[in-house]
């Protein structure tokens, strides 16, 4: 038996941001954009693999 889903309206989508520790992050006030780290600096380069 399937559990009923909580239907959300496409006009009001809900966005949940999860941090590295797996906990949900709270929304900011919009001033955090100036301190935001670019994605390219957040992702580590993969290690070289011997073949």
C-alpha atoms as a PDB file:
ATOM      1  CA  UNK A   1       0.000   0.000   0.000  1.00  0.00           C
ATOM      2  CA  UNK A   2       1.317   3.412  -0.944  1.00  0.00           C
ATOM      3  CA  UNK A   3       1.383   6.292   1.519  1.00  0.00           C
ATOM      4  CA  UNK A   4      -0.418   9.447   0.343  1.00  0.00           C
ATOM      5  CA  UNK A   5       1.945  12.161  -0.814  1.00  0.00           C
ATOM      6  CA  UNK A   6       1.741  15.763   0.237  1.00  0.00           C
ATOM      7  CA  UNK A   7       0.952  17.403  -3.110  1.00  0.00           C
ATOM      8  CA  UNK A   8       2.721  20.718  -3.641  1.00  0.00           C
ATOM      9  CA  UNK A   9       1.633  23.393  -6.029  1.00  0.00           C
ATOM     10  CA  UNK A  10       4.015  24.069  -8.972  1.00  0.00           C
ATOM     11  CA  UNK A  11       3.590  27.784  -8.246  1.00  0.00           C
ATOM     12  CA  UNK A  12       5.063  27.389  -4.732  1.00  0.00           C
ATOM     13  CA  UNK A  13       7.931  24.873  -4.922  1.00  0.00           C
ATOM     14  CA  UNK A  14       9.749  24.006  -1.704  1.00  0.00           C
ATOM     15  CA  UNK A  15      13.556  24.010  -1.807  1.00  0.00           C
ATOM     16  CA  UNK A  16      15.588  22.264   0.874  1.00  0.00           C
ATOM     17  CA  UNK A  17      19.347  22.849   1.057  1.00  0.00           C
ATOM     18  CA  UNK A  18      21.335  20.170   2.890  1.00  0.00           C
ATOM     19  CA  UNK A  19      24.811  20.895   4.256  1.00  0.00           C
ATOM     20  CA  UNK A  20      27.835  18.591   4.268  1.00  0.00           C
ATOM     21  CA  UNK A  21      26.830  17.224   7.667  1.00  0.00           C
ATOM     22  CA  UNK A  22      23.426  16.145   6.316  1.00  0.00           C
ATOM     23  CA  UNK A  23      21.483  18.796   8.227  1.00  0.00           C
ATOM     24  CA  UNK A  24      19.087  21.195   6.527  1.00  0.00           C
ATOM     25  CA  UNK A  25      20.377  24.756   6.233  1.00  0.00           C
ATOM     26  CA  UNK A  26      18.176  27.716   7.106  1.00  0.00           C
ATOM     27  CA  UNK A  27      17.355  30.431   4.602  1.00  0.00           C
ATOM     28  CA  UNK A  28      19.390  33.601   4.570  1.00  0.00           C
ATOM     29  CA  UNK A  29      18.402  37.210   4.212  1.00  0.00           C
ATOM     30  CA  UNK A  30      19.902  37.667   0.733  1.00  0.00           C
ATOM     31  CA  UNK A  31      23.128  39.353   1.873  1.00  0.00           C
ATOM     32  CA  UNK A  32      25.021  36.053   1.767  1.00  0.00           C
ATOM     33  CA  UNK A  33      25.558  36.239  -2.003  1.00  0.00           C
ATOM     34  CA  UNK A  34      28.680  38.361  -1.540  1.00  0.00           C
ATOM     35  CA  UNK A  35      30.249  35.668   0.690  1.00  0.00           C
ATOM     36  CA  UNK A  36      29.195  32.711  -1.454  1.00  0.00           C
ATOM     37  CA  UNK A  37      32.013  30.365  -2.517  1.00  0.00           C
ATOM     38  CA  UNK A  38      31.968  29.496  -6.243  1.00  0.00           C
ATOM     39  CA  UNK A  39      31.136  25.885  -7.073  1.00  0.00           C
ATOM     40  CA  UNK A  40      34.497  25.461  -8.812  1.00  0.00           C
ATOM     41  CA  UNK A  41      36.242  26.095  -5.479  1.00  0.00           C
ATOM     42  CA  UNK A  42      33.951  23.721  -3.562  1.00  0.00           C
ATOM     43  CA  UNK A  43      34.647  20.658  -5.722  1.00  0.00           C
ATOM     44  CA  UNK A  44      37.975  18.872  -5.363  1.00  0.00           C
ATOM     45  CA  UNK A  45      39.772  17.539  -8.407  1.00  0.00           C
ATOM     46  CA  UNK A  46      39.623  13.745  -8.703  1.00  0.00           C
ATOM     47  CA  UNK A  47      42.814  11.855  -7.914  1.00  0.00           C
ATOM     48  CA  UNK A  48      44.743  10.332 -10.801  1.00  0.00           C
ATOM     49  CA  UNK A  49      44.259   6.594 -11.113  1.00  0.00           C
ATOM     50  CA  UNK A  50      47.016   4.234 -12.193  1.00  0.00           C
ATOM     51  CA  UNK A  51      45.948   1.983 -15.039  1.00  0.00           C
END
